[in-house]
PDB file of N, CA and C in Angstrom:
ATOM      1  N   MET A   1     101.344  98.328 171.989  1.00  0.00           N
ATOM      2  CA  MET A   1     101.520  97.750 173.327  1.00  0.00           C
ATOM      3  C   MET A   1     102.805  98.268 173.963  1.00  0.00           C
ATOM      4  N   ALA A   2     103.840  98.354 173.134  1.00  0.00           N
ATOM      5  CA  ALA A   2     105.126  98.818 173.664  1.00  0.00           C
ATOM      6  C   ALA A   2     105.026 100.266 174.126  1.00  0.00           C
ATOM      7  N   THR A   3     104.289 101.076 173.356  1.00  0.00           N
ATOM      8  CA  THR A   3     104.167 102.482 173.741  1.00  0.00           C
ATOM      9  C   THR A   3     103.369 102.622 175.032  1.00  0.00           C
ATOM     10  N   VAL A   4     102.340 101.772 175.183  1.00  0.00           N
ATOM     11  CA  VAL A   4     101.544 101.826 176.412  1.00  0.00           C
ATOM     12  C   VAL A   4     102.405 101.437 177.606  1.00  0.00           C
ATOM     13  N   ALA A   5     103.193 100.363 177.453  1.00  0.00           N
ATOM     14  CA  ALA A   5     104.069  99.942 178.542  1.00  0.00           C
ATOM     15  C   ALA A   5     105.112 101.016 178.829  1.00  0.00           C
ATOM     16  N   GLY A   6     105.655 101.614 177.766  1.00  0.00           N
ATOM     17  CA  GLY A   6     106.640 102.672 177.959  1.00  0.00           C
ATOM     18  C   GLY A   6     106.037 103.869 178.671  1.00  0.00           C
ATOM     19  N   THR A   7     104.809 104.231 178.287  1.00  0.00           N
ATOM     20  CA  THR A   7     104.139 105.352 178.944  1.00  0.00           C
ATOM     21  C   THR A   7     103.857 105.023 180.402  1.00  0.00           C
ATOM     22  N   TYR A   8     103.461 103.787 180.675  1.00  0.00           N
ATOM     23  CA  TYR A   8     103.172 103.382 182.043  1.00  0.00           C
ATOM     24  C   TYR A   8     104.430 103.470 182.904  1.00  0.00           C
ATOM     25  N   ILE A   9     105.546 102.968 182.360  1.00  0.00           N
ATOM     26  CA  ILE A   9     106.805 103.043 183.107  1.00  0.00           C
ATOM     27  C   ILE A   9     107.184 104.502 183.326  1.00  0.00           C
ATOM     28  N   HIS A  10     106.985 105.316 182.304  1.00  0.00           N
ATOM     29  CA  HIS A  10     107.327 106.730 182.416  1.00  0.00           C
ATOM     30  C   HIS A  10     106.471 107.401 183.494  1.00  0.00           C
ATOM     31  N   LEU A  11     105.169 107.101 183.498  1.00  0.00           N
ATOM     32  CA  LEU A  11     104.284 107.691 184.500  1.00  0.00           C
ATOM     33  C   LEU A  11     104.647 107.209 185.899  1.00  0.00           C
ATOM     34  N   SER A  12     104.979 105.929 186.034  1.00  0.00           N
ATOM     35  CA  SER A  12     105.337 105.422 187.355  1.00  0.00           C
ATOM     36  C   SER A  12     106.625 106.077 187.845  1.00  0.00           C
ATOM     37  N   ASP A  13     107.569 106.325 186.919  1.00  0.00           N
ATOM     38  CA  ASP A  13     108.787 107.038 187.309  1.00  0.00           C
ATOM     39  C   ASP A  13     108.451 108.429 187.815  1.00  0.00           C
ATOM     40  N   ILE A  14     107.537 109.110 187.123  1.00  0.00           N
ATOM     41  CA  ILE A  14     107.142 110.456 187.543  1.00  0.00           C
ATOM     42  C   ILE A  14     106.483 110.400 188.918  1.00  0.00           C
ATOM     43  N   VAL A  15     105.615 109.407 189.131  1.00  0.00           N
ATOM     44  CA  VAL A  15     104.941 109.271 190.423  1.00  0.00           C
ATOM     45  C   VAL A  15     105.960 109.025 191.526  1.00  0.00           C
ATOM     46  N   VAL A  16     106.937 108.157 191.269  1.00  0.00           N
ATOM     47  CA  VAL A  16     107.968 107.873 192.268  1.00  0.00           C
ATOM     48  C   VAL A  16     108.757 109.134 192.585  1.00  0.00           C
ATOM     49  N   ILE A  17     109.095 109.897 191.549  1.00  0.00           N
ATOM     50  CA  ILE A  17     109.850 111.136 191.768  1.00  0.00           C
ATOM     51  C   ILE A  17     109.028 112.117 192.595  1.00  0.00           C
ATOM     52  N   ILE A  18     107.729 112.242 192.281  1.00  0.00           N
ATOM     53  CA  ILE A  18     106.869 113.170 193.021  1.00  0.00           C
ATOM     54  C   ILE A  18     106.751 112.734 194.475  1.00  0.00           C
ATOM     55  N   VAL A  19     106.527 111.436 194.710  1.00  0.00           N
ATOM     56  CA  VAL A  19     106.405 110.936 196.082  1.00  0.00           C
ATOM     57  C   VAL A  19     107.702 111.156 196.844  1.00  0.00           C
ATOM     58  N   TYR A  20     108.831 110.870 196.198  1.00  0.00           N
ATOM     59  CA  TYR A  20     110.127 111.074 196.837  1.00  0.00           C
ATOM     60  C   TYR A  20     110.330 112.545 197.172  1.00  0.00           C
ATOM     61  N   PHE A  21     109.962 113.422 196.234  1.00  0.00           N
ATOM     62  CA  PHE A  21     110.103 114.857 196.463  1.00  0.00           C
ATOM     63  C   PHE A  21     109.236 115.297 197.633  1.00  0.00           C
ATOM     64  N   LEU A  22     108.003 114.789 197.704  1.00  0.00           N
ATOM     65  CA  LEU A  22     107.114 115.157 198.805  1.00  0.00           C
ATOM     66  C   LEU A  22     107.662 114.664 200.136  1.00  0.00           C
ATOM     67  N   LEU A  23     108.219 113.440 200.151  1.00  0.00           N
ATOM     68  CA  LEU A  23     108.800 112.919 201.387  1.00  0.00           C
ATOM     69  C   LEU A  23     109.970 113.780 201.844  1.00  0.00           C
ATOM     70  N   VAL A  24     110.830 114.147 200.902  1.00  0.00           N
ATOM     71  CA  VAL A  24     111.971 114.999 201.257  1.00  0.00           C
ATOM     72  C   VAL A  24     111.480 116.351 201.751  1.00  0.00           C
ATOM     73  N   LEU A  25     110.448 116.888 201.096  1.00  0.00           N
ATOM     74  CA  LEU A  25     109.902 118.177 201.503  1.00  0.00           C
ATOM     75  C   LEU A  25     109.316 118.092 202.911  1.00  0.00           C
ATOM     76  N   LEU A  26     108.562 117.020 203.187  1.00  0.00           N
ATOM     77  CA  LEU A  26     107.981 116.860 204.516  1.00  0.00           C
ATOM     78  C   LEU A  26     109.065 116.687 205.573  1.00  0.00           C
ATOM     79  N   MET A  27     110.106 115.910 205.245  1.00  0.00           N
ATOM     80  CA  MET A  27     111.206 115.745 206.194  1.00  0.00           C
ATOM     81  C   MET A  27     111.884 117.083 206.467  1.00  0.00           C
ATOM     82  N   GLY A  28     112.090 117.870 205.415  1.00  0.00           N
ATOM     83  CA  GLY A  28     112.699 119.185 205.596  1.00  0.00           C
ATOM     84  C   GLY A  28     111.830 120.083 206.453  1.00  0.00           C
ATOM     85  N   LEU A  29     110.520 120.059 206.212  1.00  0.00           N
ATOM     86  CA  LEU A  29     109.616 120.869 207.025  1.00  0.00           C
ATOM     87  C   LEU A  29     109.619 120.396 208.468  1.00  0.00           C
ATOM     88  N   TRP A  30     109.652 119.068 208.683  1.00  0.00           N
ATOM     89  CA  TRP A  30     109.654 118.537 210.045  1.00  0.00           C
ATOM     90  C   TRP A  30     110.928 118.930 210.774  1.00  0.00           C
ATOM     91  N   VAL A  31     112.065 118.789 210.085  1.00  0.00           N
ATOM     92  CA  VAL A  31     113.345 119.140 210.713  1.00  0.00           C
ATOM     93  C   VAL A  31     113.374 120.622 211.043  1.00  0.00           C
ATOM     94  N   SER A  32     112.925 121.463 210.104  1.00  0.00           N
ATOM     95  CA  SER A  32     112.929 122.902 210.368  1.00  0.00           C
ATOM     96  C   SER A  32     111.941 123.230 211.480  1.00  0.00           C
ATOM     97  N   ASP A  33     110.824 122.506 211.539  1.00  0.00           N
ATOM     98  CA  ASP A  33     109.832 122.749 212.580  1.00  0.00           C
ATOM     99  C   ASP A  33     110.381 122.362 213.943  1.00  0.00           C
ATOM    100  N   VAL A  34     111.102 121.240 214.008  1.00  0.00           N
ATOM    101  CA  VAL A  34     111.606 120.753 215.293  1.00  0.00           C
ATOM    102  C   VAL A  34     112.815 121.555 215.751  1.00  0.00           C
ATOM    103  N   ILE A  35     113.702 121.891 214.814  1.00  0.00           N
ATOM    104  CA  ILE A  35     114.971 122.519 215.187  1.00  0.00           C
ATOM    105  C   ILE A  35     114.883 124.041 215.127  1.00  0.00           C
ATOM    106  N   LEU A  36     114.373 124.566 214.017  1.00  0.00           N
ATOM    107  CA  LEU A  36     114.455 126.011 213.813  1.00  0.00           C
ATOM    108  C   LEU A  36     113.391 126.770 214.584  1.00  0.00           C
ATOM    109  N   ARG A  37     112.162 126.277 214.608  1.00  0.00           N
ATOM    110  CA  ARG A  37     111.087 127.063 215.213  1.00  0.00           C
ATOM    111  C   ARG A  37     111.311 127.309 216.704  1.00  0.00           C
ATOM    112  N   PRO A  38     111.669 126.310 217.515  1.00  0.00           N
ATOM    113  CA  PRO A  38     111.926 126.616 218.937  1.00  0.00           C
ATOM    114  C   PRO A  38     113.045 127.627 219.126  1.00  0.00           C
ATOM    115  N   SER A  39     114.119 127.525 218.343  1.00  0.00           N
ATOM    116  CA  SER A  39     115.215 128.476 218.500  1.00  0.00           C
ATOM    117  C   SER A  39     114.772 129.868 218.071  1.00  0.00           C
ATOM    118  N   ILE A  40     113.956 129.952 217.014  1.00  0.00           N
ATOM    119  CA  ILE A  40     113.466 131.259 216.572  1.00  0.00           C
ATOM    120  C   ILE A  40     112.544 131.850 217.636  1.00  0.00           C
ATOM    121  N   LEU A  41     111.648 131.033 218.175  1.00  0.00           N
ATOM    122  CA  LEU A  41     110.747 131.532 219.215  1.00  0.00           C
ATOM    123  C   LEU A  41     111.524 131.932 220.457  1.00  0.00           C
ATOM    124  N   TRP A  42     112.528 131.133 220.835  1.00  0.00           N
ATOM    125  CA  TRP A  42     113.328 131.448 222.016  1.00  0.00           C
ATOM    126  C   TRP A  42     114.078 132.748 221.799  1.00  0.00           C
ATOM    127  N   THR A  43     114.678 132.906 220.614  1.00  0.00           N
ATOM    128  CA  THR A  43     115.409 134.143 220.314  1.00  0.00           C
ATOM    129  C   THR A  43     114.459 135.327 220.324  1.00  0.00           C
ATOM    130  N   ARG A  44     113.279 135.149 219.771  1.00  0.00           N
ATOM    131  CA  ARG A  44     112.305 136.238 219.743  1.00  0.00           C
ATOM    132  C   ARG A  44     111.889 136.608 221.164  1.00  0.00           C
ATOM    133  N   ASP A  45     111.678 135.615 222.021  1.00  0.00           N
ATOM    134  CA  ASP A  45     111.322 135.893 223.409  1.00  0.00           C
ATOM    135  C   ASP A  45     112.446 136.630 224.121  1.00  0.00           C
ATOM    136  N   VAL A  46     113.685 136.197 223.891  1.00  0.00           N
ATOM    137  CA  VAL A  46     114.820 136.839 224.547  1.00  0.00           C
ATOM    138  C   VAL A  46     114.947 138.286 224.083  1.00  0.00           C
ATOM    139  N   ILE A  47     114.745 138.508 222.771  1.00  0.00           N
ATOM    140  CA  ILE A  47     114.854 139.875 222.250  1.00  0.00           C
ATOM    141  C   ILE A  47     113.717 140.736 222.794  1.00  0.00           C
ATOM    142  N   ALA A  48     112.520 140.169 222.888  1.00  0.00           N
ATOM    143  CA  ALA A  48     111.360 140.953 223.305  1.00  0.00           C
ATOM    144  C   ALA A  48     111.332 141.176 224.810  1.00  0.00           C
ATOM    145  N   THR A  49     112.067 140.369 225.571  1.00  0.00           N
ATOM    146  CA  THR A  49     112.018 140.465 227.028  1.00  0.00           C
ATOM    147  C   THR A  49     113.146 141.363 227.526  1.00  0.00           C
ATOM    148  N   PRO A  50     112.831 142.338 228.363  1.00  0.00           N
ATOM    149  CA  PRO A  50     113.891 143.163 228.954  1.00  0.00           C
ATOM    150  C   PRO A  50     114.822 142.314 229.805  1.00  0.00           C
ATOM    151  N   PRO A  51     116.087 142.693 229.919  1.00  0.00           N
ATOM    152  CA  PRO A  51     117.056 141.875 230.663  1.00  0.00           C
ATOM    153  C   PRO A  51     116.656 141.635 232.116  1.00  0.00           C
ATOM    154  N   MET A  52     115.985 142.599 232.749  1.00  0.00           N
ATOM    155  CA  MET A  52     115.634 142.426 234.165  1.00  0.00           C
ATOM    156  C   MET A  52     114.617 141.303 234.344  1.00  0.00           C
ATOM    157  N   LEU A  53     113.783 141.073 233.325  1.00  0.00           N
ATOM    158  CA  LEU A  53     112.765 140.033 233.438  1.00  0.00           C
ATOM    159  C   LEU A  53     113.317 138.653 233.105  1.00  0.00           C
ATOM    160  N   LEU A  54     114.485 138.597 232.468  1.00  0.00           N
ATOM    161  CA  LEU A  54     115.023 137.303 232.045  1.00  0.00           C
ATOM    162  C   LEU A  54     115.329 136.417 233.239  1.00  0.00           C
ATOM    163  N   SER A  55     115.958 136.971 234.260  1.00  0.00           N
ATOM    164  CA  SER A  55     116.298 136.152 235.427  1.00  0.00           C
ATOM    165  C   SER A  55     115.031 135.673 236.120  1.00  0.00           C
ATOM    166  N   GLY A  56     114.029 136.537 236.208  1.00  0.00           N
ATOM    167  CA  GLY A  56     112.777 136.128 236.831  1.00  0.00           C
ATOM    168  C   GLY A  56     112.081 135.039 236.043  1.00  0.00           C
ATOM    169  N   SER A  57     112.062 135.160 234.716  1.00  0.00           N
ATOM    170  CA  SER A  57     111.413 134.136 233.902  1.00  0.00           C
ATOM    171  C   SER A  57     112.198 132.831 233.970  1.00  0.00           C
ATOM    172  N   ALA A  58     113.540 132.926 234.053  1.00  0.00           N
ATOM    173  CA  ALA A  58     114.347 131.713 234.175  1.00  0.00           C
ATOM    174  C   ALA A  58     114.037 131.005 235.491  1.00  0.00           C
ATOM    175  N   ASP A  59     113.935 131.774 236.572  1.00  0.00           N
ATOM    176  CA  ASP A  59     113.580 131.167 237.856  1.00  0.00           C
ATOM    177  C   ASP A  59     112.180 130.564 237.793  1.00  0.00           C
ATOM    178  N   TYR A  60     111.271 131.238 237.100  1.00  0.00           N
ATOM    179  CA  TYR A  60     109.913 130.729 236.985  1.00  0.00           C
ATOM    180  C   TYR A  60     109.892 129.413 236.220  1.00  0.00           C
ATOM    181  N   VAL A  61     110.699 129.325 235.164  1.00  0.00           N
ATOM    182  CA  VAL A  61     110.738 128.092 234.372  1.00  0.00           C
ATOM    183  C   VAL A  61     111.369 126.969 235.178  1.00  0.00           C
ATOM    184  N   LEU A  62     112.401 127.290 235.954  1.00  0.00           N
ATOM    185  CA  LEU A  62     113.101 126.246 236.702  1.00  0.00           C
ATOM    186  C   LEU A  62     112.233 125.684 237.823  1.00  0.00           C
ATOM    187  N   HIS A  63     111.434 126.520 238.456  1.00  0.00           N
ATOM    188  CA  HIS A  63     110.653 126.036 239.602  1.00  0.00           C
ATOM    189  C   HIS A  63     109.380 125.361 239.143  1.00  0.00           C
TER     190      HIS A  63
END
């Protein structure tokens, strides 16, 4: 009985660790998705866009 209870506690600890790890992983993915992806896309657009078109696109976005 003691070994079964010990195994159960051990398994529940593993489950808690896995769930916690998944939550941290999802939070990290969400933060990187919210913060990093727009900046990466914006930087990529700026690099891919010739300087003469930047002012026009800025005016287009503002209006």
